[in-house]
N, C-alpha and C. Protein backbone atom coordinates (compact mmCIF):
# COMPACT_ATOMS: atom_id res chain seq x y z
N MET A 1 32.57 8.15 29.56
CA MET A 1 31.13 7.70 29.12
C MET A 1 30.87 8.65 28.11
N ARG A 2 30.27 8.21 26.92
CA ARG A 2 30.49 9.59 25.51
C ARG A 2 28.59 10.11 26.12
N ASP A 3 28.53 11.14 25.26
CA ASP A 3 27.62 11.62 25.39
C ASP A 3 26.31 11.02 24.60
N ALA A 4 25.14 10.78 25.82
CA ALA A 4 24.11 10.18 25.07
C ALA A 4 23.16 10.90 24.83
N GLY A 5 23.05 11.90 25.17
CA GLY A 5 22.24 12.90 24.95
C GLY A 5 21.24 13.43 26.27
N GLU A 6 21.26 15.12 26.26
CA GLU A 6 20.37 15.82 27.42
C GLU A 6 19.18 15.39 27.95
N SER A 7 18.52 14.68 27.12
CA SER A 7 17.26 14.19 27.56
C SER A 7 16.90 12.56 27.59
N LEU A 8 18.15 11.87 27.62
CA LEU A 8 18.00 10.34 27.89
C LEU A 8 17.76 10.67 29.02
N ARG A 9 16.70 9.75 29.55
CA ARG A 9 16.51 8.71 31.02
C ARG A 9 16.73 7.66 30.71
N LEU A 10 17.77 6.83 32.18
CA LEU A 10 17.45 5.24 32.18
C LEU A 10 17.10 5.39 33.53
N GLN A 11 16.63 3.86 33.33
CA GLN A 11 16.07 3.74 34.42
C GLN A 11 15.84 2.14 34.82
N ILE A 12 16.41 1.94 36.14
CA ILE A 12 16.00 0.38 36.72
C ILE A 12 14.69 -0.58 35.60
N ASN A 13 14.84 -1.60 35.32
CA ASN A 13 14.03 -2.10 34.81
C ASN A 13 13.90 -3.51 34.15
N GLU A 14 12.90 -3.86 33.59
CA GLU A 14 12.79 -5.62 33.55
C GLU A 14 14.33 -6.02 32.88
N PHE A 15 15.31 -5.46 32.47
CA PHE A 15 16.59 -6.29 31.87
C PHE A 15 17.63 -5.58 32.86
N ALA A 16 17.41 -5.21 33.55
CA ALA A 16 18.72 -4.74 34.73
C ALA A 16 18.80 -5.66 35.63
N ASP A 17 18.97 -6.80 35.75
CA ASP A 17 18.97 -7.95 36.60
C ASP A 17 19.82 -9.06 35.73
N ILE A 18 19.81 -8.62 34.53
CA ILE A 18 20.52 -9.39 33.64
C ILE A 18 22.08 -8.46 33.07
N SER A 19 22.84 -9.40 32.72
CA SER A 19 24.25 -8.69 32.33
C SER A 19 24.00 -7.94 30.91
N PHE A 20 24.97 -7.36 30.45
CA PHE A 20 24.43 -6.70 28.99
C PHE A 20 24.91 -7.78 28.16
N ASP A 21 25.81 -8.57 28.35
CA ASP A 21 26.15 -10.02 27.41
C ASP A 21 24.76 -10.84 27.00
N GLU A 22 24.07 -10.92 28.73
CA GLU A 22 22.51 -11.85 28.38
C GLU A 22 21.77 -11.13 27.95
N PHE A 23 21.83 -9.55 27.90
CA PHE A 23 20.71 -8.83 27.07
C PHE A 23 21.04 -9.02 25.33
N ILE A 24 22.08 -8.60 25.19
CA ILE A 24 22.20 -8.61 23.75
C ILE A 24 22.11 -10.13 23.23
N GLY A 25 22.26 -11.11 24.31
CA GLY A 25 22.54 -12.43 23.52
C GLY A 25 20.66 -12.72 23.43
N LYS A 26 20.07 -12.54 24.60
CA LYS A 26 18.70 -12.60 24.54
C LYS A 26 17.72 -11.98 23.53
N TYR A 27 17.95 -10.43 23.50
CA TYR A 27 17.23 -9.31 22.62
C TYR A 27 17.53 -8.77 21.32
N GLY A 28 19.05 -8.97 21.01
CA GLY A 28 20.17 -8.35 20.58
C GLY A 28 19.65 -8.86 19.35
N GLY A 29 19.84 -10.17 18.93
CA GLY A 29 19.30 -10.61 17.37
C GLY A 29 19.82 -10.30 15.86
N LEU A 30 20.40 -9.50 16.16
CA LEU A 30 21.26 -9.24 14.68
C LEU A 30 22.28 -9.99 14.09
N VAL A 31 21.85 -10.89 13.27
CA VAL A 31 23.01 -12.02 12.78
C VAL A 31 23.45 -11.47 11.66
N GLY A 32 24.77 -11.66 11.24
CA GLY A 32 25.59 -11.44 9.89
C GLY A 32 25.63 -10.13 9.10
N THR A 33 26.04 -9.95 7.97
CA THR A 33 27.14 -8.56 7.58
C THR A 33 26.81 -8.57 6.26
N GLY A 34 26.00 -9.01 5.94
CA GLY A 34 25.80 -9.39 4.31
C GLY A 34 24.97 -8.12 3.84
N SER A 35 25.08 -7.56 2.68
CA SER A 35 24.27 -6.44 1.53
C SER A 35 24.19 -7.18 0.46
N ARG A 36 23.48 -6.10 -0.04
CA ARG A 36 22.95 -6.18 -1.35
C ARG A 36 22.22 -5.06 -1.79
N THR A 37 22.28 -4.29 -2.79
CA THR A 37 21.82 -3.36 -3.24
C THR A 37 21.30 -3.55 -4.73
N LYS A 38 20.08 -3.68 -4.72
CA LYS A 38 18.71 -4.32 -5.71
C LYS A 38 18.64 -2.77 -6.62
N ASN A 39 18.35 -1.62 -5.79
CA ASN A 39 17.79 -0.84 -6.65
C ASN A 39 18.87 0.60 -6.70
N PRO A 40 18.64 1.50 -7.37
CA PRO A 40 19.54 2.38 -7.25
C PRO A 40 19.40 3.00 -5.95
N GLU A 41 20.38 4.13 -4.95
CA GLU A 41 19.99 4.80 -3.60
C GLU A 41 19.57 5.62 -4.10
N LEU A 42 18.73 6.12 -3.08
CA LEU A 42 18.01 7.60 -3.74
C LEU A 42 18.64 8.68 -3.02
N VAL A 43 18.96 10.00 -3.77
CA VAL A 43 20.04 10.83 -3.07
C VAL A 43 18.97 12.34 -3.06
N LEU A 44 19.40 12.78 -2.24
CA LEU A 44 18.52 14.49 -1.90
C LEU A 44 19.85 14.97 -1.50
N ASN A 45 19.26 16.42 -2.04
CA ASN A 45 20.16 17.36 -1.49
C ASN A 45 19.85 17.41 -0.08
N VAL A 46 20.67 17.79 1.07
CA VAL A 46 20.16 17.43 2.08
C VAL A 46 19.44 18.63 2.94
N GLY A 47 19.61 20.13 1.62
CA GLY A 47 19.43 21.03 2.38
C GLY A 47 17.62 21.33 2.07
N ASP A 48 17.64 20.66 1.08
CA ASP A 48 15.85 20.54 0.72
C ASP A 48 15.20 19.58 1.70
N VAL A 49 15.79 19.19 2.64
CA VAL A 49 14.83 18.40 3.61
C VAL A 49 14.01 19.02 4.76
N PRO A 50 12.97 18.85 4.68
CA PRO A 50 11.84 19.47 6.22
C PRO A 50 13.13 19.24 7.36
N SER A 51 12.62 20.43 8.06
CA SER A 51 13.27 20.85 9.46
C SER A 51 12.57 19.50 10.47
N THR A 52 11.48 19.06 10.18
CA THR A 52 10.62 17.87 10.89
C THR A 52 9.88 16.67 9.68
N LEU A 53 9.89 15.48 10.24
CA LEU A 53 9.08 15.04 9.77
C LEU A 53 8.87 13.48 10.65
N ASP A 54 7.61 13.09 11.03
CA ASP A 54 6.87 11.96 11.84
C ASP A 54 5.78 11.29 10.83
N TRP A 55 6.38 10.02 10.81
CA TRP A 55 5.62 9.29 9.67
C TRP A 55 4.71 9.14 10.44
N ARG A 56 4.15 8.80 11.46
CA ARG A 56 3.43 8.58 12.12
C ARG A 56 2.38 9.61 12.16
N ASP A 57 2.64 10.64 11.71
CA ASP A 57 1.33 12.04 11.64
C ASP A 57 0.99 11.28 10.40
N LYS A 58 1.18 11.01 9.47
CA LYS A 58 0.68 10.54 8.20
C LYS A 58 0.16 9.11 8.31
N ASN A 59 0.22 8.32 9.59
CA ASN A 59 -0.97 7.42 9.67
C ASN A 59 -0.07 6.20 8.45
N VAL A 60 1.02 6.25 8.66
CA VAL A 60 1.92 5.07 8.15
C VAL A 60 2.53 3.88 8.82
N VAL A 61 2.08 4.27 10.29
CA VAL A 61 3.44 3.12 11.33
C VAL A 61 2.09 2.60 12.28
N ASN A 62 2.49 1.57 12.37
CA ASN A 62 1.63 0.99 13.16
C ASN A 62 2.20 1.44 14.98
N PRO A 63 1.37 0.90 16.06
CA PRO A 63 1.77 1.08 17.07
C PRO A 63 3.00 0.02 17.64
N VAL A 64 3.95 0.58 18.25
CA VAL A 64 4.97 -0.40 18.87
C VAL A 64 4.87 -1.64 19.29
N LYS A 65 5.40 -2.40 18.65
CA LYS A 65 5.12 -3.90 18.89
C LYS A 65 6.34 -4.14 20.19
N ASN A 66 5.99 -5.60 20.98
CA ASN A 66 7.19 -5.78 21.66
C ASN A 66 8.08 -7.56 21.37
N GLN A 67 9.12 -7.39 21.01
CA GLN A 67 9.64 -8.79 20.82
C GLN A 67 9.39 -9.83 21.76
N GLY A 68 9.34 -9.58 22.78
CA GLY A 68 9.14 -10.34 24.10
C GLY A 68 10.80 -11.01 23.83
N GLN A 69 11.13 -12.04 24.50
CA GLN A 69 12.09 -12.95 24.95
C GLN A 69 12.38 -13.40 24.08
N CYS A 70 12.70 -12.85 22.34
CA CYS A 70 13.20 -13.91 21.60
C CYS A 70 14.40 -12.42 20.42
N GLY A 71 15.46 -13.15 20.03
CA GLY A 71 16.14 -12.37 19.25
C GLY A 71 15.84 -12.38 18.13
N SER A 72 14.70 -11.43 17.67
CA SER A 72 13.70 -11.38 16.36
C SER A 72 13.82 -9.57 15.83
N CYS A 73 14.58 -8.75 16.49
CA CYS A 73 14.69 -7.62 16.10
C CYS A 73 14.40 -7.45 14.66
N TRP A 74 15.61 -8.36 13.98
CA TRP A 74 15.57 -8.40 12.57
C TRP A 74 14.60 -8.47 11.91
N ALA A 75 13.64 -9.07 12.15
CA ALA A 75 12.26 -9.24 11.87
C ALA A 75 11.54 -8.35 12.33
N PHE A 76 11.47 -7.72 12.90
CA PHE A 76 10.84 -6.63 13.36
C PHE A 76 11.04 -5.33 12.60
N SER A 77 12.48 -5.35 12.52
CA SER A 77 12.58 -3.97 12.00
C SER A 77 12.41 -4.12 9.83
N THR A 78 12.11 -5.31 9.68
CA THR A 78 11.93 -5.63 8.36
C THR A 78 10.77 -5.53 8.06
N ILE A 79 9.52 -6.17 8.96
CA ILE A 79 8.70 -6.22 8.61
C ILE A 79 7.88 -4.68 8.91
N GLY A 80 8.23 -4.31 10.18
CA GLY A 80 7.71 -2.65 9.96
C GLY A 80 8.18 -1.35 9.33
N SER A 81 9.17 -1.48 8.66
CA SER A 81 9.50 -1.21 7.64
C SER A 81 8.47 -1.15 6.05
N LEU A 82 7.88 -2.57 5.98
CA LEU A 82 7.32 -2.85 5.03
C LEU A 82 5.96 -2.50 5.15
N GLU A 83 5.65 -2.56 6.57
CA GLU A 83 3.84 -2.15 6.61
C GLU A 83 3.48 -0.80 6.31
N SER A 84 5.22 0.12 6.66
CA SER A 84 4.83 1.54 6.28
C SER A 84 5.17 1.95 5.04
N ARG A 85 5.74 1.10 4.11
CA ARG A 85 6.14 1.64 2.80
C ARG A 85 4.51 1.05 2.19
N TRP A 86 4.12 -0.19 2.45
CA TRP A 86 2.84 -0.84 1.91
C TRP A 86 1.99 0.13 1.99
N ALA A 87 1.64 0.81 3.07
CA ALA A 87 0.87 1.79 3.81
C ALA A 87 0.91 3.41 2.74
N LEU A 88 2.35 3.62 2.63
CA LEU A 88 2.44 5.07 1.50
C LEU A 88 1.63 4.45 0.57
N LYS A 89 1.84 3.37 -0.32
CA LYS A 89 1.66 3.01 -1.59
C LYS A 89 0.38 2.79 -1.95
N SER A 90 -0.15 1.67 -0.88
CA SER A 90 -1.82 1.22 -0.72
C SER A 90 -2.88 2.39 -0.34
N GLY A 91 -2.59 3.01 0.75
CA GLY A 91 -3.51 3.92 1.51
C GLY A 91 -3.94 3.21 2.41
N THR A 92 -3.60 2.16 2.94
CA THR A 92 -3.88 0.67 3.63
C THR A 92 -3.08 0.42 4.68
N LEU A 93 -2.73 0.64 6.09
CA LEU A 93 -1.74 0.28 6.80
C LEU A 93 -2.16 -1.32 7.61
N LEU A 94 -1.30 -2.11 7.51
CA LEU A 94 -2.09 -3.48 7.68
C LEU A 94 -0.45 -3.63 8.81
N SER A 95 -1.48 -4.48 9.49
CA SER A 95 -0.01 -5.51 10.44
C SER A 95 0.06 -6.83 10.25
N LEU A 96 1.70 -6.96 9.62
CA LEU A 96 2.26 -7.99 9.42
C LEU A 96 2.52 -9.04 9.75
N SER A 97 3.03 -10.18 9.57
CA SER A 97 3.60 -11.18 10.71
C SER A 97 4.98 -11.17 10.64
N GLU A 98 5.62 -10.57 11.78
CA GLU A 98 7.07 -11.05 12.09
C GLU A 98 7.42 -12.59 12.43
N GLN A 99 6.02 -13.26 13.09
CA GLN A 99 6.77 -14.53 13.58
C GLN A 99 6.79 -15.66 12.35
N GLU A 100 5.98 -15.24 11.08
CA GLU A 100 6.31 -15.96 9.65
C GLU A 100 7.62 -15.92 9.77
N LEU A 101 8.72 -14.81 9.58
CA LEU A 101 9.88 -14.69 9.48
C LEU A 101 10.89 -15.18 10.19
N VAL A 102 10.32 -15.62 11.40
CA VAL A 102 10.80 -16.23 12.73
C VAL A 102 11.06 -17.42 12.71
N ASP A 103 9.52 -18.07 11.36
CA ASP A 103 9.52 -20.07 11.62
C ASP A 103 10.14 -19.98 10.73
N CYS A 104 9.81 -19.08 9.50
CA CYS A 104 9.96 -19.85 7.82
C CYS A 104 11.56 -19.13 7.17
N ASP A 105 11.79 -18.16 7.79
CA ASP A 105 13.26 -17.32 6.94
C ASP A 105 14.49 -18.35 7.51
N ARG A 106 14.37 -19.37 6.84
CA ARG A 106 15.85 -19.93 8.11
C ARG A 106 16.80 -20.28 7.08
N ASP A 107 17.10 -20.05 6.23
CA ASP A 107 18.09 -20.49 5.16
C ASP A 107 19.32 -19.82 5.71
N GLN A 108 19.42 -18.52 5.97
CA GLN A 108 20.08 -17.89 6.63
C GLN A 108 20.52 -17.06 7.83
N ASP A 109 18.82 -16.97 8.22
CA ASP A 109 18.60 -16.40 9.92
C ASP A 109 18.26 -17.48 10.42
N GLN A 110 18.33 -17.16 12.12
CA GLN A 110 18.27 -17.87 12.95
C GLN A 110 16.90 -17.78 13.61
N GLY A 111 15.82 -17.58 13.38
CA GLY A 111 14.57 -17.19 14.11
C GLY A 111 14.73 -15.98 15.72
N CYS A 112 15.03 -16.76 16.71
CA CYS A 112 14.92 -15.74 18.09
C CYS A 112 16.68 -15.74 18.41
N ASP A 113 17.38 -16.49 17.62
CA ASP A 113 18.56 -16.60 17.68
C ASP A 113 19.55 -15.49 16.87
N GLY A 114 19.03 -14.50 15.64
CA GLY A 114 19.06 -13.85 15.21
C GLY A 114 18.91 -13.90 13.85
N GLY A 115 19.00 -12.62 12.73
CA GLY A 115 19.19 -12.49 11.90
C GLY A 115 19.18 -11.38 11.01
N LEU A 116 19.13 -10.98 9.66
CA LEU A 116 19.16 -10.22 8.99
C LEU A 116 18.65 -9.39 8.42
N MET A 117 18.20 -7.78 8.16
CA MET A 117 16.80 -7.94 7.43
C MET A 117 16.99 -7.88 6.22
N ASP A 118 18.45 -7.89 5.44
CA ASP A 118 18.47 -7.87 3.84
C ASP A 118 17.71 -9.83 3.34
N ASN A 119 18.37 -10.44 4.45
CA ASN A 119 17.77 -12.37 4.10
C ASN A 119 16.39 -12.23 4.37
N ALA A 120 15.97 -11.36 5.14
CA ALA A 120 14.34 -11.25 5.42
C ALA A 120 13.72 -10.65 4.30
N PHE A 121 14.09 -9.31 3.46
CA PHE A 121 13.73 -8.50 2.29
C PHE A 121 13.67 -9.58 1.64
N THR A 122 14.85 -10.61 1.08
CA THR A 122 15.12 -11.25 0.09
C THR A 122 14.14 -12.41 -0.03
N TYR A 123 13.92 -13.09 1.43
CA TYR A 123 12.64 -14.08 1.57
C TYR A 123 11.25 -13.48 1.04
N LEU A 124 10.92 -12.48 1.65
CA LEU A 124 9.74 -11.49 1.61
C LEU A 124 9.28 -11.56 0.26
N GLU A 125 10.41 -11.14 -0.75
CA GLU A 125 10.15 -10.79 -2.08
C GLU A 125 9.80 -12.22 -2.73
N THR A 126 9.81 -13.37 -2.11
CA THR A 126 9.96 -14.41 -3.02
C THR A 126 8.31 -15.08 -2.61
N HIS A 127 7.85 -15.10 -1.20
CA HIS A 127 7.19 -15.60 -0.57
C HIS A 127 6.04 -14.09 -0.16
N GLY A 128 6.23 -13.20 0.20
CA GLY A 128 5.45 -12.12 1.10
C GLY A 128 5.04 -12.47 2.41
N ALA A 129 4.21 -11.47 3.11
CA ALA A 129 3.95 -11.53 3.89
C ALA A 129 2.78 -11.70 4.63
N GLU A 130 2.28 -12.74 5.19
CA GLU A 130 0.88 -12.96 5.84
C GLU A 130 0.79 -11.96 6.93
N LEU A 131 -0.52 -11.32 7.18
CA LEU A 131 -1.02 -10.75 8.40
C LEU A 131 -0.95 -11.21 9.74
N GLU A 132 -0.66 -10.52 10.75
CA GLU A 132 -0.36 -10.54 11.87
C GLU A 132 -1.29 -11.77 12.25
N SER A 133 -2.56 -11.39 12.06
CA SER A 133 -4.34 -11.83 12.58
C SER A 133 -4.08 -13.37 12.03
N ASP A 134 -3.44 -13.74 11.42
CA ASP A 134 -3.10 -15.01 10.38
C ASP A 134 -1.89 -15.69 10.65
N TYR A 135 -1.28 -15.07 10.84
CA TYR A 135 0.10 -15.64 11.95
C TYR A 135 0.84 -15.05 12.83
N ALA A 136 0.18 -15.38 13.70
CA ALA A 136 0.22 -14.62 14.82
C ALA A 136 1.83 -14.31 15.93
N TYR A 137 2.27 -13.40 16.18
CA TYR A 137 3.51 -13.39 17.23
C TYR A 137 3.05 -14.15 18.55
N THR A 138 4.63 -15.39 18.58
CA THR A 138 5.01 -16.04 19.84
C THR A 138 6.16 -16.19 20.57
N ALA A 139 6.79 -14.89 20.42
CA ALA A 139 7.76 -14.72 20.64
C ALA A 139 8.97 -16.09 20.81
N GLN A 140 8.37 -16.99 20.26
CA GLN A 140 9.80 -18.06 19.95
C GLN A 140 9.56 -18.67 19.23
N ASP A 141 10.27 -19.43 18.52
CA ASP A 141 11.15 -20.27 17.33
C ASP A 141 9.50 -21.49 17.19
N GLY A 142 9.75 -21.60 16.04
CA GLY A 142 7.74 -22.60 15.47
C GLY A 142 8.50 -23.30 14.47
N THR A 143 7.26 -24.10 13.89
CA THR A 143 7.73 -24.55 12.34
C THR A 143 6.53 -23.87 11.64
N CYS A 144 7.23 -23.55 10.32
CA CYS A 144 6.53 -22.82 9.47
C CYS A 144 5.20 -23.14 9.10
N LYS A 145 4.40 -22.52 9.12
CA LYS A 145 2.71 -22.33 9.03
C LYS A 145 2.64 -21.54 7.54
N PHE A 146 3.38 -21.68 6.80
CA PHE A 146 3.15 -20.32 5.50
C PHE A 146 2.28 -20.66 5.01
N SER A 147 1.47 -19.86 4.47
CA SER A 147 0.24 -20.54 3.62
C SER A 147 0.45 -19.24 2.58
N GLU A 148 0.87 -19.67 1.28
CA GLU A 148 0.70 -18.86 0.01
C GLU A 148 -0.41 -17.83 -0.17
N SER A 149 -1.59 -18.92 -0.15
CA SER A 149 -2.93 -18.19 0.23
C SER A 149 -3.12 -17.26 0.77
N LEU A 150 -2.44 -16.73 1.99
CA LEU A 150 -2.53 -15.34 2.83
C LEU A 150 -1.57 -14.84 2.73
N ALA A 151 -0.48 -14.77 1.91
CA ALA A 151 0.14 -13.77 1.61
C ALA A 151 -0.26 -12.38 1.24
N LYS A 152 -0.21 -11.29 1.67
CA LYS A 152 -0.92 -10.23 1.69
C LYS A 152 -0.01 -9.15 0.80
N VAL A 153 1.88 -9.24 1.39
CA VAL A 153 2.17 -7.94 0.70
C VAL A 153 3.66 -8.86 0.56
N SER A 154 4.10 -8.54 -0.71
CA SER A 154 5.75 -8.61 -1.18
C SER A 154 6.52 -7.58 -1.89
N PRO A 155 7.78 -7.58 -1.04
CA PRO A 155 8.43 -6.06 -1.40
C PRO A 155 8.76 -6.56 -2.83
N LYS A 156 9.41 -5.43 -3.69
CA LYS A 156 9.52 -5.73 -5.20
C LYS A 156 11.03 -5.29 -5.39
N GLY A 157 11.32 -4.85 -4.06
CA GLY A 157 13.24 -4.78 -4.36
C GLY A 157 12.88 -3.84 -2.72
N PHE A 158 14.52 -3.72 -2.45
CA PHE A 158 15.32 -3.19 -1.54
C PHE A 158 16.46 -2.57 -1.81
N THR A 159 17.11 -1.61 -0.96
CA THR A 159 18.17 -0.91 -1.40
C THR A 159 19.00 -0.67 -0.10
N ASP A 160 19.95 -1.36 0.26
CA ASP A 160 21.08 -0.65 1.24
C ASP A 160 20.93 0.54 1.28
N VAL A 161 21.17 1.90 2.49
CA VAL A 161 21.72 2.75 2.00
C VAL A 161 23.41 2.92 2.90
N ASP A 162 23.62 4.41 2.02
CA ASP A 162 24.92 4.35 2.68
C ASP A 162 24.76 4.42 4.25
N LYS A 163 25.57 4.01 5.35
CA LYS A 163 25.89 3.90 6.69
C LYS A 163 26.65 5.13 7.23
N SER A 164 25.36 6.31 6.82
CA SER A 164 25.93 7.19 7.65
C SER A 164 24.50 8.48 8.02
N GLU A 165 24.41 9.26 9.04
CA GLU A 165 23.83 10.22 8.57
C GLU A 165 22.98 10.52 7.21
N THR A 166 23.90 11.37 6.98
CA THR A 166 23.13 11.91 5.59
C THR A 166 22.53 10.92 4.59
N GLY A 167 23.42 9.89 4.66
CA GLY A 167 22.52 8.37 4.10
C GLY A 167 20.97 7.71 4.53
N LEU A 168 20.69 8.06 5.97
CA LEU A 168 20.02 8.08 6.61
C LEU A 168 18.67 8.75 6.50
N LEU A 169 19.33 10.33 6.57
CA LEU A 169 18.12 11.29 6.06
C LEU A 169 18.00 11.34 4.87
N ASN A 170 18.61 11.17 4.22
CA ASN A 170 18.02 10.94 2.63
C ASN A 170 17.28 9.76 2.47
N ALA A 171 17.19 8.55 2.77
CA ALA A 171 15.88 7.46 2.66
C ALA A 171 14.94 7.61 3.45
N VAL A 172 14.95 8.22 4.59
CA VAL A 172 14.07 8.45 5.41
C VAL A 172 12.98 9.61 5.08
N GLN A 173 13.29 10.42 3.85
CA GLN A 173 12.57 11.58 3.40
C GLN A 173 11.23 10.46 2.50
N SER A 174 12.02 9.46 2.08
CA SER A 174 10.25 8.81 1.32
C SER A 174 9.68 7.78 2.33
N GLY A 175 9.96 7.65 2.92
CA GLY A 175 8.85 6.91 4.13
C GLY A 175 10.35 6.31 5.05
N PRO A 176 9.33 5.31 6.01
CA PRO A 176 10.34 4.69 7.28
C PRO A 176 11.27 3.83 6.67
N VAL A 177 12.05 3.36 7.22
CA VAL A 177 13.45 2.66 6.51
C VAL A 177 13.39 1.46 8.29
N SER A 178 14.13 0.41 7.39
CA SER A 178 14.18 -0.61 8.60
C SER A 178 16.09 -0.91 8.81
N ILE A 179 15.96 -0.28 10.16
CA ILE A 179 17.63 -0.23 11.02
C ILE A 179 17.84 -1.32 11.37
N ALA A 180 19.29 -0.98 12.20
CA ALA A 180 19.91 -1.65 13.01
C ALA A 180 20.32 -0.76 13.80
N VAL A 181 20.47 -1.10 14.55
CA VAL A 181 21.30 -0.25 15.48
C VAL A 181 21.98 -0.75 16.57
N ASP A 182 23.46 -0.38 17.16
CA ASP A 182 24.46 -0.83 18.27
C ASP A 182 23.72 -0.79 19.83
N ALA A 183 22.80 -1.85 19.78
CA ALA A 183 22.33 -2.07 21.26
C ALA A 183 23.19 -1.58 22.10
N ASN A 184 23.74 -0.37 23.02
CA ASN A 184 24.88 -0.58 23.99
C ASN A 184 24.02 -0.77 25.58
N VAL A 185 24.42 -0.44 26.58
CA VAL A 185 23.82 -0.06 27.99
C VAL A 185 22.73 0.90 28.02
N PHE A 186 22.79 1.95 26.96
CA PHE A 186 21.90 2.88 27.26
C PHE A 186 20.81 2.22 26.66
N TRP A 187 20.52 1.04 25.65
CA TRP A 187 19.24 0.64 25.62
C TRP A 187 18.84 -0.62 26.42
N GLN A 188 19.71 -0.85 27.02
CA GLN A 188 18.98 -1.81 28.09
C GLN A 188 18.62 -1.31 29.26
N LEU A 189 18.45 -0.07 29.77
CA LEU A 189 18.46 0.53 30.46
C LEU A 189 17.47 1.82 30.03
N TYR A 190 16.62 1.93 28.70
CA TYR A 190 16.64 3.13 28.01
C TYR A 190 14.74 3.76 29.29
N HIS A 191 14.70 4.45 29.56
CA HIS A 191 13.21 4.72 30.04
C HIS A 191 12.61 6.03 28.71
N GLY A 192 13.34 6.89 28.49
CA GLY A 192 12.95 8.00 27.62
C GLY A 192 13.55 8.69 27.36
N GLY A 193 13.44 9.67 26.36
CA GLY A 193 14.25 10.97 25.99
C GLY A 193 14.82 10.34 24.50
N VAL A 194 15.77 11.55 24.43
CA VAL A 194 16.58 11.11 22.45
C VAL A 194 17.74 10.35 23.13
N LEU A 195 18.07 9.57 22.57
CA LEU A 195 19.76 9.00 22.14
C LEU A 195 20.18 9.34 21.27
N LYS A 196 21.09 9.73 21.52
CA LYS A 196 22.32 10.26 20.08
C LYS A 196 22.87 9.82 20.05
């Protein structure tokens, strides 16, 4: 087993009684490999970055949300970064709707059966995101109820960053980013600590 980190703690939880394949099938939700770069990548000298940076301390990150038994991680990743980037720009932290993406972003994404953040950002560029209070999360596929008049935030573009620690380190300096992870068994039984 590879080194997962000295502080990582695993424990029996609500996911322990299902196989890893069932866990990924139900909660993984990342589908597709497409990518697109609309804006030039921000490149910083890694030596110039601060030793610590926690965007939660800047009041631009909402509390953790729960995707429930729906493979909508792609929607949560997209919305989480959009909420934070909007807060950095406007000074107002909103809670936006993941369910809108699950129900309405269906050209290439498959709701609770998975999707890709690039597709979701493309959808939001055209349609915008409603507030969670206007389009509540149900943790299941539903019929699209999008209302253009209720859309509050639309991204003006997005950039795929280099798939490396340096690329991520560069990108996170300007704000929270949307990521996907290889959800191995450490994620299934995670209890606390830092996973390397």
